């Protein structure tokens, strides 16, 4: 019997034939929103992120567990006809398929979009790839590092133009591609309510990276010049960056004229408001390095906590630079339920991140941890009409694995 689910996507069946990050991130969001996401892992071995250790908890990959909460998991060998037939059976009833294989790989397996829509016209087929299904790079594999380079992100990330290129600290094109794919799937579900017909939804790590360059692309369109890396500073506003304090770092976002006028008095430097170099935002951007040096000298004189109290009282946007451990323990993180305890089949209670989207009428939930390999194979195949003996035969021949 399936567990009771909540959320606005309750009743939507998703088959996730995806691995590592972008596809699983998409499936995780849909599962958080209530969809019944059945993760189909390859045999042997399962999702490659199961091998991304350390760290692990009693042998279970922390990376895999983070991205696969709320899903049911089965394991199939799609090189065997028995495994392929199981997947065909599932896809005839599914609402959504997610895959993030290299362009053309699913066609070779016999599960391309045109093939599947012939037996399920309402299927929403979501393909996430490195560079998309068209263009000269369509056949190239997808890796976040490579996509960050091609999309321009690494040219604007780092401390300055004379320093080595730096990637964004998180796999941002993978994560963004997963979010864009989830948005595309939900949009296609809305369209299907009107037309009754599914469609192909696709995005790529390359486009996900480009989508992060709104400000920098705007600058290039306007000036013809490519922006350079600026550390934590903003390309359009100043002061808007991190400053060292007596015991750490503080972010100050005095980007509007009103917030700027509140900042110098807090620092005991009201004369800056009359300084012609800093009169307007355009002036401050022209003299950003000089302004940064002046502010940095002042801010080094007190602790982060002391400055935060003064800046908050004055209405200047500011905040600390937290490490991940401090962020996970922060009262606001906990108040927003962004840390959840979930039940793992092997480990018992484990911690996971919560869903970042909240609903007033159809709340999301995080009832279950990521599955162990093949955890739900027997249950899922039973739901699709397979007998106990048929399931045993699939397991015996290696077409499926039942944990």
Protein backbone atom coordinates (compact mmCIF):
# COMPACT_ATOMS: atom_id res chain seq x y z
CA UNK A 1 0.00 0.00 0.00
CA UNK A 2 1.37 3.40 -0.98
CA UNK A 3 2.02 5.99 1.72
CA UNK A 4 -0.38 8.92 1.86
CA UNK A 5 1.13 11.99 0.22
CA UNK A 6 0.32 15.67 0.47
CA UNK A 7 1.10 18.65 -1.71
CA UNK A 8 -0.28 20.29 -4.86
CA UNK A 9 1.10 17.54 -7.14
CA UNK A 10 -0.59 14.69 -5.26
CA UNK A 11 -1.81 12.14 -7.79
CA UNK A 12 0.89 12.86 -10.37
CA UNK A 13 3.06 9.83 -11.15
CA UNK A 14 6.66 10.60 -12.10
CA UNK A 15 9.20 8.07 -13.36
CA UNK A 16 12.69 9.35 -12.65
CA UNK A 17 15.27 7.75 -14.91
CA UNK A 18 18.00 10.14 -13.87
CA UNK A 19 21.29 10.07 -12.02
CA UNK A 20 23.71 12.20 -9.99
CA UNK A 21 22.24 15.72 -9.70
CA UNK A 22 20.21 17.72 -12.24
CA UNK A 23 17.54 15.08 -12.89
CA UNK A 24 17.36 13.87 -9.28
CA UNK A 25 17.10 17.50 -8.08
CA UNK A 26 14.10 17.95 -10.38
CA UNK A 27 12.52 14.73 -9.12
CA UNK A 28 13.15 15.72 -5.51
CA UNK A 29 11.29 19.01 -5.94
CA UNK A 30 8.33 17.24 -7.57
CA UNK A 31 8.32 14.65 -4.77
CA UNK A 32 8.37 17.41 -2.15
CA UNK A 33 5.32 18.91 -3.89
CA UNK A 34 3.42 15.65 -3.54
CA UNK A 35 4.14 13.74 -6.75
CA UNK A 36 4.67 9.98 -6.52
CA UNK A 37 8.23 9.87 -7.83
CA UNK A 38 9.45 6.37 -8.64
CA UNK A 39 13.21 6.44 -9.06
CA UNK A 40 14.45 3.78 -11.48
CA UNK A 41 18.09 2.98 -10.76
CA UNK A 42 20.39 1.10 -13.10
CA UNK A 43 21.81 -2.32 -12.44
CA UNK A 44 24.40 -3.03 -11.34
CA UNK A 45 25.27 -0.38 -8.78
CA UNK A 46 22.38 2.06 -8.94
CA UNK A 47 22.66 5.85 -9.20
CA UNK A 48 26.31 6.86 -9.57
CA UNK A 49 25.96 9.26 -6.64
CA UNK A 50 25.82 6.18 -4.38
CA UNK A 51 29.58 5.97 -5.05
CA UNK A 52 30.23 9.61 -4.17
CA UNK A 53 31.86 8.90 -0.81
CA UNK A 54 33.08 10.10 1.58
CA UNK A 55 31.09 11.24 3.40
CA UNK A 56 28.81 8.34 4.17
CA UNK A 57 26.64 7.28 7.08
CA UNK A 58 27.15 3.59 7.82
CA UNK A 59 28.02 3.02 4.18
CA UNK A 60 25.14 5.04 2.70
CA UNK A 61 26.22 7.98 0.54
CA UNK A 62 25.31 11.33 2.08
CA UNK A 63 25.18 12.85 -1.42
CA UNK A 64 22.66 10.28 -2.64
CA UNK A 65 20.48 10.65 0.43
CA UNK A 66 20.34 14.43 0.09
CA UNK A 67 18.93 14.42 -3.45
CA UNK A 68 16.56 11.47 -3.30
CA UNK A 69 14.28 12.04 -0.34
CA UNK A 70 10.54 11.40 -0.70
CA UNK A 71 11.06 9.02 -3.64
CA UNK A 72 10.29 5.35 -4.02
CA UNK A 73 13.14 3.37 -5.49
CA UNK A 74 13.30 0.39 -7.81
CA UNK A 75 16.28 -1.13 -9.63
CA UNK A 76 16.13 -2.41 -13.23
CA UNK A 77 18.65 -3.63 -15.77
CA UNK A 78 17.56 -1.86 -18.95
CA UNK A 79 19.99 -3.89 -21.03
CA UNK A 80 17.78 -6.91 -20.36
CA UNK A 81 14.43 -7.27 -22.07
CA UNK A 82 12.73 -8.07 -18.76
CA UNK A 83 13.87 -4.75 -17.30
CA UNK A 84 12.83 -2.87 -20.42
CA UNK A 85 9.37 -4.40 -20.36
CA UNK A 86 8.86 -3.37 -16.73
CA UNK A 87 9.75 0.22 -17.63
CA UNK A 88 7.42 0.18 -20.66
CA UNK A 89 4.59 -1.03 -18.43
CA UNK A 90 5.19 1.79 -15.97
CA UNK A 91 5.49 4.48 -18.63
CA UNK A 92 2.15 3.58 -20.18
CA UNK A 93 0.52 4.85 -16.96
CA UNK A 94 2.97 7.56 -15.95
CA UNK A 95 2.31 11.29 -16.12
CA UNK A 96 5.94 12.37 -16.30
CA UNK A 97 9.32 10.91 -17.24
CA UNK A 98 12.54 12.65 -16.16
CA UNK A 99 15.85 11.68 -17.77
CA UNK A 100 19.26 13.33 -17.88
CA UNK A 101 21.22 11.01 -20.11
CA UNK A 102 23.34 12.21 -23.01
CA UNK A 103 21.21 13.24 -25.99
CA UNK A 104 20.30 10.13 -27.99
CA UNK A 105 20.96 7.59 -25.23
CA UNK A 106 17.28 7.03 -24.48
CA UNK A 107 16.52 6.50 -28.17
CA UNK A 108 19.14 3.75 -28.29
CA UNK A 109 17.47 2.04 -25.33
CA UNK A 110 14.09 2.25 -27.07
CA UNK A 111 12.68 4.93 -24.77
CA UNK A 112 12.89 8.07 -26.91
CA UNK A 113 10.09 10.62 -26.76
CA UNK A 114 8.48 9.73 -30.10
CA UNK A 115 8.41 6.05 -29.17
CA UNK A 116 6.85 6.64 -25.75
CA UNK A 117 4.22 9.16 -26.84
CA UNK A 118 2.81 6.54 -29.24
CA UNK A 119 1.63 4.49 -26.24
CA UNK A 120 0.96 7.40 -23.86
CA UNK A 121 -0.10 10.63 -25.59
CA UNK A 122 -0.38 12.44 -22.26
CA UNK A 123 3.19 11.71 -21.18
CA UNK A 124 5.30 14.73 -20.27
CA UNK A 125 8.84 13.78 -21.19
CA UNK A 126 11.49 15.95 -19.50
CA UNK A 127 15.03 15.76 -20.85
CA UNK A 128 17.92 17.50 -19.10
CA UNK A 129 21.26 17.50 -20.92
CA UNK A 130 24.56 19.30 -20.99
CA UNK A 131 23.85 21.63 -23.90
CA UNK A 132 20.31 20.86 -25.11
CA UNK A 133 18.98 18.64 -27.88
CA UNK A 134 19.86 21.01 -30.74
CA UNK A 135 22.91 22.95 -31.85
CA UNK A 136 26.50 21.89 -32.53
CA UNK A 137 27.11 20.74 -28.93
CA UNK A 138 23.92 18.66 -28.60
CA UNK A 139 25.81 15.37 -28.37
CA UNK A 140 28.29 16.47 -25.68
CA UNK A 141 27.92 15.17 -22.11
CA UNK A 142 26.97 17.52 -19.29
CA UNK A 143 29.15 18.48 -16.34
CA UNK A 144 28.57 21.48 -14.08
CA UNK A 145 32.19 22.65 -14.24
CA UNK A 146 32.18 22.61 -18.05
CA UNK A 147 28.79 24.35 -18.22
CA UNK A 148 29.96 27.06 -15.82
CA UNK A 149 32.86 27.77 -18.14
CA UNK A 150 30.83 27.85 -21.36
CA UNK A 151 28.01 29.92 -19.83
CA UNK A 152 30.33 32.73 -18.77
CA UNK A 153 29.81 32.20 -15.03
CA UNK A 154 33.47 31.46 -14.33
CA UNK A 155 34.53 34.69 -16.06
CA UNK A 156 32.59 36.77 -13.51
CA UNK A 157 33.27 34.68 -10.38
CA UNK A 158 36.36 35.27 -8.27
CA UNK A 159 38.32 38.06 -6.64
CA UNK A 160 39.41 40.01 -9.70
CA UNK A 161 40.45 39.99 -13.35
CA UNK A 162 44.08 39.09 -12.59
CA UNK A 163 43.23 36.03 -10.51
CA UNK A 164 42.57 32.44 -11.69
CA UNK A 165 39.01 31.62 -12.80
CA UNK A 166 36.78 30.31 -10.02
CA UNK A 167 33.62 28.25 -10.30
CA UNK A 168 30.59 29.02 -8.17
CA UNK A 169 30.95 27.05 -4.93
CA UNK A 170 27.89 24.90 -5.56
CA UNK A 171 27.06 22.97 -8.77
CA UNK A 172 24.81 25.83 -9.74
CA UNK A 173 24.05 24.77 -13.32
CA UNK A 174 22.97 21.31 -12.15
CA UNK A 175 20.73 22.72 -9.42
CA UNK A 176 19.28 25.46 -11.63
CA UNK A 177 18.63 23.01 -14.47
CA UNK A 178 16.71 20.80 -12.04
CA UNK A 179 14.60 23.75 -10.91
CA UNK A 180 13.95 24.91 -14.48
CA UNK A 181 12.97 21.37 -15.43
CA UNK A 182 10.53 21.16 -12.52
CA UNK A 183 8.98 24.49 -13.58
CA UNK A 184 8.72 23.22 -17.15
CA UNK A 185 7.03 20.00 -16.02
CA UNK A 186 4.48 21.81 -13.88
CA UNK A 187 3.77 24.21 -16.76
CA UNK A 188 3.29 21.26 -19.12
CA UNK A 189 0.88 19.68 -16.59
CA UNK A 190 -1.21 22.87 -16.70
CA UNK A 191 -1.21 22.82 -20.50
CA UNK A 192 -2.19 19.14 -20.49
CA UNK A 193 -5.27 20.00 -18.42
CA UNK A 194 -6.39 22.18 -21.33
CA UNK A 195 -5.33 20.03 -24.28
CA UNK A 196 -5.11 16.52 -22.86
CA UNK A 197 -1.78 16.11 -24.63
CA UNK A 198 1.70 15.75 -23.16
CA UNK A 199 4.87 17.19 -24.64
CA UNK A 200 8.64 17.19 -24.60
CA UNK A 201 10.14 19.56 -22.03
CA UNK A 202 13.88 20.13 -22.15
CA UNK A 203 16.56 22.30 -20.63
CA UNK A 204 20.30 22.10 -20.18
CA UNK A 205 23.11 22.91 -17.80
CA UNK A 206 24.43 25.39 -20.39
CA UNK A 207 21.17 27.35 -20.51
CA UNK A 208 20.81 27.13 -16.73
CA UNK A 209 24.18 28.85 -16.41
CA UNK A 210 23.25 31.52 -18.95
CA UNK A 211 20.04 32.19 -17.02
CA UNK A 212 22.17 33.26 -14.03
CA UNK A 213 23.84 36.09 -15.98
CA UNK A 214 20.96 38.59 -16.16
CA UNK A 215 22.89 41.59 -14.81
CA UNK A 216 26.15 40.77 -16.57
CA UNK A 217 24.45 40.09 -19.91
CA UNK A 218 22.54 43.37 -19.55
CA UNK A 219 25.85 45.18 -19.09
CA UNK A 220 27.34 43.49 -22.15
CA UNK A 221 24.29 44.22 -24.31
CA UNK A 222 24.49 47.89 -23.27
CA UNK A 223 28.25 48.43 -23.46
CA UNK A 224 29.65 45.69 -25.68
CA UNK A 225 32.17 44.85 -22.94
CA UNK A 226 32.23 41.71 -20.81
CA UNK A 227 32.13 42.33 -17.04
CA UNK A 228 35.03 41.07 -14.96
CA UNK A 229 34.95 39.28 -11.60
CA UNK A 230 34.42 41.60 -8.62
CA UNK A 231 34.67 39.31 -5.62
CA UNK A 232 31.56 39.81 -3.51
CA UNK A 233 30.82 43.26 -4.97
CA UNK A 234 27.84 44.06 -7.20
CA UNK A 235 28.28 45.13 -10.84
CA UNK A 236 25.55 47.80 -10.63
CA UNK A 237 25.42 49.06 -7.03
CA UNK A 238 27.80 50.18 -4.28
CA UNK A 239 28.42 49.57 -1.47
CA UNK A 240 27.13 46.01 -1.82
CA UNK A 241 29.71 43.44 -0.73
CA UNK A 242 31.46 41.62 2.13
CA UNK A 243 33.79 43.46 4.50
CA UNK A 244 36.18 42.09 7.11
CA UNK A 245 35.35 42.91 10.72
CA UNK A 246 37.39 42.50 13.90
CA UNK A 247 36.38 38.81 14.14
CA UNK A 248 34.97 37.73 10.78
CA UNK A 249 33.00 39.06 7.80
CA UNK A 250 29.86 41.07 7.27
CA UNK A 251 27.78 41.67 4.15
CA UNK A 252 26.47 45.19 3.67
CA UNK A 253 23.86 45.84 1.01
CA UNK A 254 23.42 49.62 0.97
CA UNK A 255 22.42 49.55 -2.68
CA UNK A 256 19.57 52.07 -2.62
CA UNK A 257 20.04 55.78 -2.04
CA UNK A 258 18.04 55.61 1.19
CA UNK A 259 20.09 52.76 2.66
CA UNK A 260 23.35 54.42 1.60
CA UNK A 261 22.47 57.62 3.43
CA UNK A 262 21.93 55.63 6.63
CA UNK A 263 25.31 53.89 6.50
CA UNK A 264 27.99 56.63 7.04
CA UNK A 265 26.42 57.94 10.28
CA UNK A 266 26.52 54.42 11.76
CA UNK A 267 30.23 54.27 10.97
CA UNK A 268 30.83 57.74 12.42
CA UNK A 269 31.66 59.04 8.95
CA UNK A 270 28.78 61.35 8.06
CA UNK A 271 31.17 63.46 5.97
CA UNK A 272 31.01 60.78 3.27
CA UNK A 273 27.50 61.98 2.44
CA UNK A 274 28.98 65.29 1.25
CA UNK A 275 31.87 63.72 -0.62
CA UNK A 276 31.35 64.36 -4.35
CA UNK A 277 32.94 60.99 -5.16
CA UNK A 278 30.05 59.19 -3.45
CA UNK A 279 27.08 61.52 -4.08
CA UNK A 280 25.12 59.14 -6.37
CA UNK A 281 25.27 55.43 -7.10
CA UNK A 282 26.97 56.18 -10.43
CA UNK A 283 29.60 58.19 -8.52
CA UNK A 284 30.07 55.40 -6.00
CA UNK A 285 30.50 52.84 -8.78
CA UNK A 286 33.12 55.02 -10.47
CA UNK A 287 34.99 55.33 -7.17
CA UNK A 288 34.09 51.91 -5.78
CA UNK A 289 37.65 50.92 -4.88
CA UNK A 290 38.21 54.14 -2.92
CA UNK A 291 34.88 53.74 -1.12
CA UNK A 292 35.66 50.10 -0.32
CA UNK A 293 39.01 51.03 1.25
CA UNK A 294 37.39 53.70 3.44
CA UNK A 295 34.57 51.46 4.61
CA UNK A 296 36.87 48.47 5.17
CA UNK A 297 39.10 50.48 7.50
CA UNK A 298 36.12 51.55 9.59
CA UNK A 299 34.43 48.15 9.72
CA UNK A 300 37.60 46.40 10.90
CA UNK A 301 37.24 48.20 14.23
CA UNK A 302 34.28 46.23 15.67
CA UNK A 303 33.02 42.67 15.74
CA UNK A 304 30.45 41.37 13.30
CA UNK A 305 27.85 41.08 16.06
CA UNK A 306 28.41 44.69 17.17
CA UNK A 307 28.07 46.04 13.63
CA UNK A 308 24.96 43.95 12.93
CA UNK A 309 23.19 45.44 15.96
CA UNK A 310 24.05 48.99 14.90
CA UNK A 311 23.22 48.49 11.22
CA UNK A 312 19.93 46.76 11.96
CA UNK A 313 18.88 49.59 14.25
CA UNK A 314 19.70 52.12 11.51
CA UNK A 315 17.86 50.15 8.81
CA UNK A 316 20.91 49.27 6.73
CA UNK A 317 20.67 45.82 5.09
CA UNK A 318 23.43 43.65 6.55
CA UNK A 319 24.17 40.08 7.55
CA UNK A 320 26.96 37.74 8.59
CA UNK A 321 28.82 35.31 6.34
CA UNK A 322 27.81 31.99 7.89
CA UNK A 323 29.46 28.67 7.24
CA UNK A 324 27.19 25.74 6.37
CA UNK A 325 27.12 24.33 9.91
CA UNK A 326 26.09 27.71 11.35
CA UNK A 327 23.46 28.14 8.63
CA UNK A 328 21.92 24.74 9.40
CA UNK A 329 21.64 25.66 13.10
CA UNK A 330 20.36 29.21 12.55
CA UNK A 331 16.96 29.98 14.14
CA UNK A 332 15.57 31.26 10.84
CA UNK A 333 16.60 28.05 9.06
CA UNK A 334 14.84 26.00 11.71
CA UNK A 335 11.78 28.26 11.81
CA UNK A 336 11.35 27.79 8.05
CA UNK A 337 11.62 24.00 8.49
CA UNK A 338 14.60 23.80 6.17
CA UNK A 339 16.13 21.03 8.29
CA UNK A 340 13.96 17.92 8.61
CA UNK A 341 14.36 14.51 10.21
CA UNK A 342 13.32 11.64 7.97
CA UNK A 343 13.09 7.87 8.41
CA UNK A 344 15.69 5.84 6.51
CA UNK A 345 15.14 2.11 5.95
CA UNK A 346 18.65 1.27 7.15
CA UNK A 347 19.80 4.18 9.28
CA UNK A 348 16.68 5.23 11.17
CA UNK A 349 16.38 8.98 11.73
CA UNK A 350 18.58 11.09 9.44
CA UNK A 351 18.60 14.79 8.66
CA UNK A 352 17.71 16.28 5.30
CA UNK A 353 16.97 19.70 3.87
CA UNK A 354 13.33 20.77 3.73
CA UNK A 355 11.35 22.06 0.79
CA UNK A 356 11.99 25.78 0.05
CA UNK A 357 8.43 26.33 -1.25
CA UNK A 358 5.54 26.76 1.18
CA UNK A 359 1.79 26.49 0.46
CA UNK A 360 -1.13 27.62 2.60
CA UNK A 361 -3.67 25.05 1.39
CA UNK A 362 -1.65 22.06 0.17
CA UNK A 363 1.40 21.81 2.43
CA UNK A 364 4.48 19.92 1.40
CA UNK A 365 5.98 17.22 3.55
CA UNK A 366 9.20 15.27 3.91
CA UNK A 367 7.97 11.90 5.14
CA UNK A 368 10.72 9.61 3.90
CA UNK A 369 14.44 9.42 3.32
CA UNK A 370 16.12 8.31 0.11
CA UNK A 371 15.55 4.61 -0.66
CA UNK A 372 18.21 1.95 -0.42
CA UNK A 373 18.88 0.25 -3.75
CA UNK A 374 15.79 -1.68 -4.85
CA UNK A 375 13.89 -0.82 -1.67
CA UNK A 376 10.46 -0.52 -3.33
CA UNK A 377 10.87 -2.82 -6.33
CA UNK A 378 8.50 -5.49 -5.05
CA UNK A 379 5.84 -3.04 -3.92
CA UNK A 380 5.92 -0.97 -7.11
CA UNK A 381 5.86 -3.97 -9.44
CA UNK A 382 2.91 -5.38 -7.50
CA UNK A 383 1.06 -2.11 -8.04
CA UNK A 384 1.68 -2.46 -11.77
CA UNK A 385 0.13 -5.94 -11.85
CA UNK A 386 3.16 -8.20 -11.54
CA UNK A 387 2.59 -11.41 -9.62
CA UNK A 388 4.83 -12.64 -6.84
CA UNK A 389 6.26 -15.33 -9.11
CA UNK A 390 6.87 -12.86 -11.96
CA UNK A 391 8.72 -10.51 -9.62
CA UNK A 392 10.80 -13.40 -8.30
CA UNK A 393 11.73 -14.37 -11.86
CA UNK A 394 12.78 -10.81 -12.71
CA UNK A 395 14.96 -10.77 -9.60
CA UNK A 396 16.43 -14.19 -10.41
CA UNK A 397 17.37 -13.24 -13.97
CA UNK A 398 18.90 -9.93 -12.89
CA UNK A 399 16.36 -7.81 -14.79
CA UNK A 400 15.25 -6.31 -11.47
CA UNK A 401 16.61 -6.16 -7.95
CA UNK A 402 14.39 -6.44 -4.90
CA UNK A 403 15.99 -5.33 -1.65
